[in-house]
Amino acid sequence: GGRTPNNELSSSLYMLSVDSHGCNRKVTLRCLEKELVGEPPGPRYGHTISVVHSRGKTACVAFGGRSYMPAAERTTENWNCVVDCPPQVYLIDLEFGCCSAHTLPELTDGQSFHLALAREDCVYFLGGHILSTDCRPPRLFRLRVELLLGSPVLSCEVFNEGLSLTSAIATSVGSAHEYMILGGYQSESEKRMQCTYVSLDNVGIRMEPREPPQWSSEISQSRTWFGGSLEKGSALIMIPSEGNPAPPDAHHFYQVSFQQEGDAEDPTQTCSQESTEFEDSAPLEDSEELYFGRDPNEMEFSSDGEGDTYNEDDEEDES
């Protein structure tokens, strides 16, 4: 999914992986387009894709998002108008590219820019925006996927204790299924300044409010913000520079870090916020450079010596 440079929506699925080959340990980011067959989700953006594990099998779950109006209804006047995608759940087999669409009675409205947190065979959908009614209801769904031999079985539960949010960031803290949620919006013109701790276990989901950091005046006064998760317990927040004329620095970057303090019996989450100046960062060393691979097998069988075979140039790079 996502928008193309021509402002169209993509229906492709891309798989990004990291490889490290050669004596110089150069890292290659490999992007592979996966061909989908069956009932693939149409072009969209603002959706989520999660990974579930059930009975020794793995599948991807795609849900939500927005798309352009159907071709039969698209005119010059509404060419760029978007609508909620139907509230269907798509299961994708990454090995064979097979897709199947599933309709559940509990999912009655399309939604986008929600959060999806997965644990084993369950995916929790938090928040989201419903374009048809222009609202952000405090929604919480739990989707369970059983990958049975033959046809999968999907079930959905609706909970009353949800969160009203869109475009939020979930960063992992603590164990593998503990998260801190920050950022995003709670209305069209109001940012969500709170932080929420979320834990997934065998019983279900647990959410607790956490004290947010002392946001800087730039963050508090900005109309928009966005970002993503960094390493464990950290998130990157970006706010656009405002002014007329526009300042030379297009964005300001802030790193928010969460850590546990106190003894093991009574741990508490604390957070800090600091400005990040990327222009002062040191350049990457050779061993830290990132390259994009062109073909899945090209690194292994290429003739330019960047595979696992010995290459004298690798020693020169290291020196």
Protein backbone atom coordinates (compact mmCIF):
# COMPACT_ATOMS: atom_id res chain seq x y z
CA GLY A 1 0.00 0.00 0.00
CA GLY A 2 0.85 3.68 0.27
CA ARG A 3 0.95 6.56 -2.17
CA THR A 4 3.10 6.57 -5.29
CA PRO A 5 4.94 9.66 -6.64
CA ASN A 6 2.02 10.08 -9.07
CA ASN A 7 -0.40 10.37 -6.12
CA GLU A 8 -1.89 6.99 -6.90
CA LEU A 9 -2.31 4.24 -4.31
CA SER A 10 -0.22 1.10 -4.54
CA SER A 11 -1.63 -2.41 -4.22
CA SER A 12 1.82 -4.00 -3.93
CA LEU A 13 3.28 -5.70 -0.87
CA TYR A 14 6.97 -5.08 -0.24
CA MET A 15 9.15 -7.12 2.10
CA LEU A 16 12.19 -5.35 3.55
CA SER A 17 15.01 -7.45 4.99
CA VAL A 18 18.55 -6.82 6.20
CA ASP A 19 21.56 -8.82 5.04
CA SER A 20 25.20 -8.60 6.06
CA HIS A 21 27.66 -10.16 3.61
CA GLY A 22 31.39 -10.07 3.06
CA CYS A 23 34.38 -9.59 5.29
CA ASN A 24 33.69 -5.86 5.59
CA ARG A 25 30.27 -6.53 7.18
CA LYS A 26 28.46 -4.05 4.95
CA VAL A 27 24.72 -4.04 5.55
CA THR A 28 22.34 -4.35 2.63
CA LEU A 29 18.67 -3.40 2.81
CA ARG A 30 16.85 -5.72 0.44
CA CYS A 31 13.40 -4.78 -0.82
CA LEU A 32 11.36 -7.51 -2.51
CA GLU A 33 7.95 -7.04 -4.09
CA LYS A 34 5.66 -9.97 -3.28
CA GLU A 35 3.11 -11.03 -5.86
CA LEU A 36 -0.29 -11.64 -4.28
CA VAL A 37 -2.97 -14.01 -5.56
CA GLY A 38 -6.48 -14.91 -4.45
CA GLU A 39 -8.36 -12.07 -2.74
CA PRO A 40 -5.67 -9.42 -2.22
CA PRO A 41 -6.48 -6.13 -0.49
CA GLY A 42 -6.88 -3.28 -2.94
CA PRO A 43 -4.74 -0.13 -3.05
CA ARG A 44 -4.89 1.73 0.27
CA TYR A 45 -3.04 3.74 2.90
CA GLY A 46 -3.50 4.27 6.63
CA HIS A 47 -3.90 0.52 7.23
CA THR A 48 -1.96 -1.88 9.44
CA ILE A 49 -0.22 -5.19 8.74
CA SER A 50 0.50 -7.53 11.66
CA VAL A 51 2.06 -10.99 11.96
CA VAL A 52 0.26 -13.82 13.78
CA HIS A 53 1.49 -17.30 14.74
CA SER A 54 -0.87 -20.24 15.14
CA ARG A 55 -0.35 -24.01 15.15
CA GLY A 56 3.17 -23.69 13.81
CA LYS A 57 2.10 -21.45 10.93
CA THR A 58 2.60 -17.75 10.27
CA ALA A 59 0.41 -15.26 8.42
CA CYS A 60 0.03 -11.52 7.97
CA VAL A 61 -3.16 -9.69 8.93
CA ALA A 62 -4.06 -6.54 6.97
CA PHE A 63 -6.90 -4.35 8.17
CA GLY A 64 -8.35 -0.88 7.65
CA GLY A 65 -7.12 2.00 5.57
CA ARG A 66 -8.47 4.39 2.98
CA SER A 67 -8.68 4.22 -0.78
CA TYR A 68 -9.89 6.31 -3.66
CA MET A 69 -13.52 6.06 -4.63
CA PRO A 70 -14.47 3.14 -6.91
CA ALA A 71 -13.55 3.69 -10.53
CA ALA A 72 -17.21 3.80 -11.59
CA GLU A 73 -17.87 6.67 -9.14
CA ARG A 74 -14.64 8.58 -9.68
CA THR A 75 -15.02 11.82 -11.63
CA THR A 76 -12.88 14.87 -12.30
CA GLU A 77 -14.46 16.69 -9.35
CA ASN A 78 -13.87 13.91 -6.81
CA TRP A 79 -10.73 12.40 -8.36
CA ASN A 80 -8.65 12.77 -5.19
CA CYS A 81 -11.46 12.03 -2.71
CA VAL A 82 -10.89 9.01 -0.47
CA VAL A 83 -13.25 6.72 1.44
CA ASP A 84 -12.92 4.16 4.20
CA CYS A 85 -12.00 0.71 2.94
CA PRO A 86 -14.62 -1.94 3.75
CA PRO A 87 -14.06 -3.43 7.24
CA GLN A 88 -12.66 -6.70 5.96
CA VAL A 89 -9.72 -8.63 7.38
CA TYR A 90 -7.17 -10.00 4.92
CA LEU A 91 -4.92 -12.96 5.65
CA ILE A 92 -1.71 -13.14 3.62
CA ASP A 93 0.53 -16.19 3.32
CA LEU A 94 3.98 -14.69 2.78
CA GLU A 95 5.46 -17.95 1.50
CA PHE A 96 3.04 -18.44 -1.38
CA GLY A 97 1.44 -14.98 -1.60
CA CYS A 98 -2.08 -16.36 -1.15
CA CYS A 99 -4.67 -13.92 0.22
CA SER A 100 -8.14 -14.41 1.62
CA ALA A 101 -10.73 -11.79 2.65
CA HIS A 102 -12.88 -12.27 5.76
CA THR A 103 -15.95 -10.35 6.94
CA LEU A 104 -16.74 -10.33 10.66
CA PRO A 105 -20.05 -9.04 12.10
CA GLU A 106 -18.26 -7.17 14.91
CA LEU A 107 -16.38 -4.99 12.42
CA THR A 108 -19.07 -2.70 11.05
CA ASP A 109 -17.10 0.42 10.09
CA GLY A 110 -13.94 1.05 8.16
CA GLN A 111 -11.15 2.77 10.04
CA SER A 112 -7.64 4.04 9.45
CA PHE A 113 -4.56 5.33 11.28
CA HIS A 114 -5.22 2.97 14.20
CA LEU A 115 -2.71 0.91 16.16
CA ALA A 116 -2.34 -2.85 15.80
CA LEU A 117 -0.47 -4.87 18.45
CA ALA A 118 -0.02 -8.61 17.95
CA ARG A 119 0.79 -11.49 20.29
CA GLU A 120 0.79 -15.10 19.08
CA ASP A 121 -2.59 -15.67 17.37
CA CYS A 122 -4.22 -12.39 18.48
CA VAL A 123 -4.16 -8.85 17.09
CA TYR A 124 -5.49 -5.90 19.11
CA PHE A 125 -6.79 -2.89 17.17
CA LEU A 126 -6.73 0.38 19.14
CA GLY A 127 -8.36 3.66 18.20
CA GLY A 128 -8.58 4.80 14.61
CA HIS A 129 -10.49 7.37 12.59
CA ILE A 130 -13.80 6.70 10.83
CA LEU A 131 -13.91 8.97 7.80
CA SER A 132 -17.63 8.55 7.08
CA THR A 133 -18.58 10.00 10.49
CA ASP A 134 -15.37 12.00 11.12
CA CYS A 135 -14.90 10.58 14.62
CA ARG A 136 -12.25 8.84 16.70
CA PRO A 137 -14.21 6.49 18.97
CA PRO A 138 -12.35 4.80 21.86
CA ARG A 139 -12.31 1.44 20.10
CA LEU A 140 -10.63 -1.79 21.10
CA PHE A 141 -11.00 -5.04 19.16
CA ARG A 142 -9.29 -8.37 19.65
CA LEU A 143 -8.99 -10.48 16.53
CA ARG A 144 -8.07 -14.13 17.00
CA VAL A 145 -6.75 -16.11 14.03
CA GLU A 146 -6.59 -19.91 14.06
CA LEU A 147 -4.58 -21.18 11.11
CA LEU A 148 -6.26 -24.56 10.82
CA LEU A 149 -5.45 -27.08 8.14
CA GLY A 150 -7.64 -26.07 5.24
CA SER A 151 -9.50 -22.87 6.06
CA PRO A 152 -8.53 -20.42 8.82
CA VAL A 153 -11.01 -19.50 11.55
CA LEU A 154 -11.31 -15.86 12.63
CA SER A 155 -13.19 -14.46 15.62
CA CYS A 156 -13.46 -10.94 17.00
CA GLU A 157 -14.27 -9.48 20.42
CA VAL A 158 -15.24 -5.88 21.14
CA PHE A 159 -14.13 -4.24 24.41
CA ASN A 160 -15.47 -1.06 25.98
CA GLU A 161 -12.17 0.20 27.41
CA GLY A 162 -10.43 1.52 24.32
CA LEU A 163 -8.39 4.57 23.40
CA SER A 164 -9.37 7.52 21.25
CA LEU A 165 -6.29 8.07 19.11
CA THR A 166 -4.94 8.18 15.57
CA SER A 167 -1.42 8.10 14.11
CA ALA A 168 0.09 7.18 17.48
CA ILE A 169 3.48 5.55 18.10
CA ALA A 170 3.93 2.23 19.92
CA THR A 171 7.45 1.52 21.16
CA SER A 172 8.46 -1.71 22.86
CA VAL A 173 9.48 -1.58 26.53
CA GLY A 174 10.18 -4.31 29.05
CA SER A 175 9.31 -7.76 27.76
CA ALA A 176 8.48 -8.69 24.18
CA HIS A 177 4.81 -7.71 24.54
CA GLU A 178 4.98 -4.51 26.57
CA TYR A 179 4.55 -1.18 24.82
CA MET A 180 4.40 2.53 25.50
CA ILE A 181 1.97 4.49 23.34
CA LEU A 182 2.63 8.16 22.71
CA GLY A 183 1.96 10.85 20.15
CA GLY A 184 -0.87 10.97 17.68
CA TYR A 185 -4.13 12.89 17.87
CA GLN A 186 -7.32 12.67 19.90
CA SER A 187 -9.27 15.07 17.68
CA GLU A 188 -8.85 16.88 14.38
CA SER A 189 -7.13 19.85 16.03
CA GLU A 190 -5.81 18.39 19.29
CA LYS A 191 -2.69 16.31 19.75
CA ARG A 192 -2.73 13.43 22.23
CA MET A 193 -0.18 14.47 24.85
CA GLN A 194 -0.68 11.52 27.22
CA CYS A 195 1.32 8.29 27.35
CA THR A 196 -0.22 4.85 27.89
CA TYR A 197 1.45 1.62 28.99
CA VAL A 198 0.09 -1.51 27.27
CA SER A 199 0.81 -5.13 28.17
CA LEU A 200 -0.33 -8.21 26.24
CA ASP A 201 -0.44 -11.62 27.94
CA ASN A 202 -2.32 -14.91 27.82
CA VAL A 203 -5.32 -13.34 29.56
CA GLY A 204 -5.70 -10.30 27.33
CA ILE A 205 -4.64 -6.67 27.25
CA ARG A 206 -3.89 -4.29 30.12
CA MET A 207 -3.58 -0.52 29.73
CA GLU A 208 -2.42 2.04 32.29
CA PRO A 209 -1.84 5.80 31.94
CA ARG A 210 1.73 7.00 32.42
CA GLU A 211 3.09 10.44 33.19
CA PRO A 212 4.29 12.03 29.93
CA PRO A 213 7.56 13.94 29.69
CA GLN A 214 7.68 17.68 30.07
CA TRP A 215 7.07 18.45 26.43
CA SER A 216 9.09 21.35 25.05
CA SER A 217 7.29 24.51 24.02
CA GLU A 218 7.92 23.70 20.35
CA ILE A 219 6.16 20.35 20.71
CA SER A 220 3.31 21.72 22.84
CA GLN A 221 2.58 24.58 20.45
CA SER A 222 2.97 22.68 17.19
CA ARG A 223 -0.16 21.79 15.29
CA THR A 224 1.21 18.57 13.81
CA TRP A 225 3.72 15.95 14.85
CA PHE A 226 4.71 12.50 13.68
CA GLY A 227 7.42 9.93 14.23
CA GLY A 228 8.16 6.29 14.86
CA SER A 229 9.69 3.75 17.19
CA LEU A 230 13.46 3.52 17.55
CA GLU A 231 15.33 0.98 19.61
CA LYS A 232 13.69 -0.60 22.63
CA GLY A 233 12.15 2.03 24.88
CA SER A 234 12.78 4.96 22.53
CA ALA A 235 10.78 6.90 19.97
CA LEU A 236 11.59 9.68 17.52
CA ILE A 237 9.21 12.63 17.24
CA MET A 238 9.38 15.18 14.44
CA ILE A 239 7.61 18.52 14.25
CA PRO A 240 7.66 20.79 11.19
CA SER A 241 9.22 24.20 11.49
CA GLU A 242 6.65 26.95 11.27
CA GLY A 243 6.98 30.54 10.15
CA ASN A 244 6.71 32.79 7.13
CA PRO A 245 9.04 32.56 5.36
CA ALA A 246 9.75 28.96 6.25
CA PRO A 247 12.93 28.55 8.33
CA PRO A 248 15.89 26.74 6.76
CA ASP A 249 15.49 23.72 9.07
CA ALA A 250 12.39 21.92 7.80
CA HIS A 251 11.84 19.82 10.94
CA HIS A 252 12.87 19.57 14.57
CA PHE A 253 13.68 16.11 15.92
CA TYR A 254 13.21 14.88 19.49
CA GLN A 255 14.04 11.54 21.04
CA VAL A 256 11.79 10.27 23.83
CA SER A 257 13.19 7.50 26.04
CA PHE A 258 11.40 5.29 28.57
CA GLN A 259 13.12 3.29 31.28
CA GLN A 260 12.21 1.40 34.44
CA GLU A 261 13.30 2.70 37.82
CA GLY A 262 12.97 1.20 41.28
CA ASP A 263 13.29 -2.37 42.48
CA ALA A 264 11.95 -5.40 40.68
CA GLU A 265 8.88 -5.61 42.92
CA ASP A 266 7.69 -2.10 42.18
CA PRO A 267 9.08 -0.87 38.87
CA THR A 268 7.92 2.48 37.55
CA GLN A 269 8.16 3.85 34.05
CA THR A 270 9.94 7.16 33.63
CA CYS A 271 10.53 9.04 30.42
CA SER A 272 12.75 11.81 29.17
CA GLN A 273 12.83 14.00 26.11
CA GLU A 274 15.80 15.52 24.34
CA SER A 275 16.40 17.39 21.13
CA THR A 276 18.36 15.57 18.44
CA GLU A 277 20.63 17.50 16.09
CA PHE A 278 21.34 15.25 13.12
CA GLU A 279 23.49 17.78 11.31
CA ASP A 280 26.19 17.34 13.99
CA SER A 281 26.23 13.55 13.66
CA ALA A 282 29.44 11.87 12.58
CA PRO A 283 29.44 10.34 9.08
CA LEU A 284 28.89 6.61 8.77
CA GLU A 285 31.92 4.36 8.74
CA ASP A 286 32.31 1.81 5.95
CA SER A 287 30.99 -0.95 8.18
CA GLU A 288 27.84 1.08 8.89
CA GLU A 289 26.89 1.97 5.33
CA LEU A 290 23.54 0.80 4.00
CA TYR A 291 23.07 -0.49 0.46
CA PHE A 292 19.96 -1.50 -1.43
CA GLY A 293 20.11 -4.91 -3.08
CA ARG A 294 18.66 -5.33 -6.55
CA ASP A 295 17.72 -8.99 -6.62
CA PRO A 296 17.20 -11.54 -3.82
CA ASN A 297 19.96 -13.83 -5.16
CA GLU A 298 22.27 -11.18 -6.53
CA MET A 299 24.32 -10.77 -3.37
CA GLU A 300 25.06 -14.48 -3.18
CA PHE A 301 25.95 -15.09 -6.82
CA SER A 302 27.10 -11.66 -7.97
CA SER A 303 30.35 -11.28 -9.86
CA ASP A 304 31.36 -8.07 -8.11
CA GLY A 305 32.64 -9.95 -5.09
CA GLU A 306 30.20 -8.66 -2.49
CA GLY A 307 29.05 -12.10 -1.43
CA ASP A 308 30.60 -14.33 1.20
CA THR A 309 33.67 -15.03 -0.96
CA TYR A 310 37.05 -13.54 -0.14
CA ASN A 311 37.78 -10.16 -1.68
CA GLU A 312 41.00 -8.19 -1.32
CA ASP A 313 39.05 -4.93 -1.53
CA ASP A 314 37.32 -5.88 1.71
CA GLU A 315 40.61 -5.74 3.56
CA GLU A 316 41.38 -2.34 2.04
CA ASP A 317 37.98 -1.05 3.17
CA GLU A 318 38.62 -2.24 6.70
CA SER A 319 42.02 -0.54 6.84
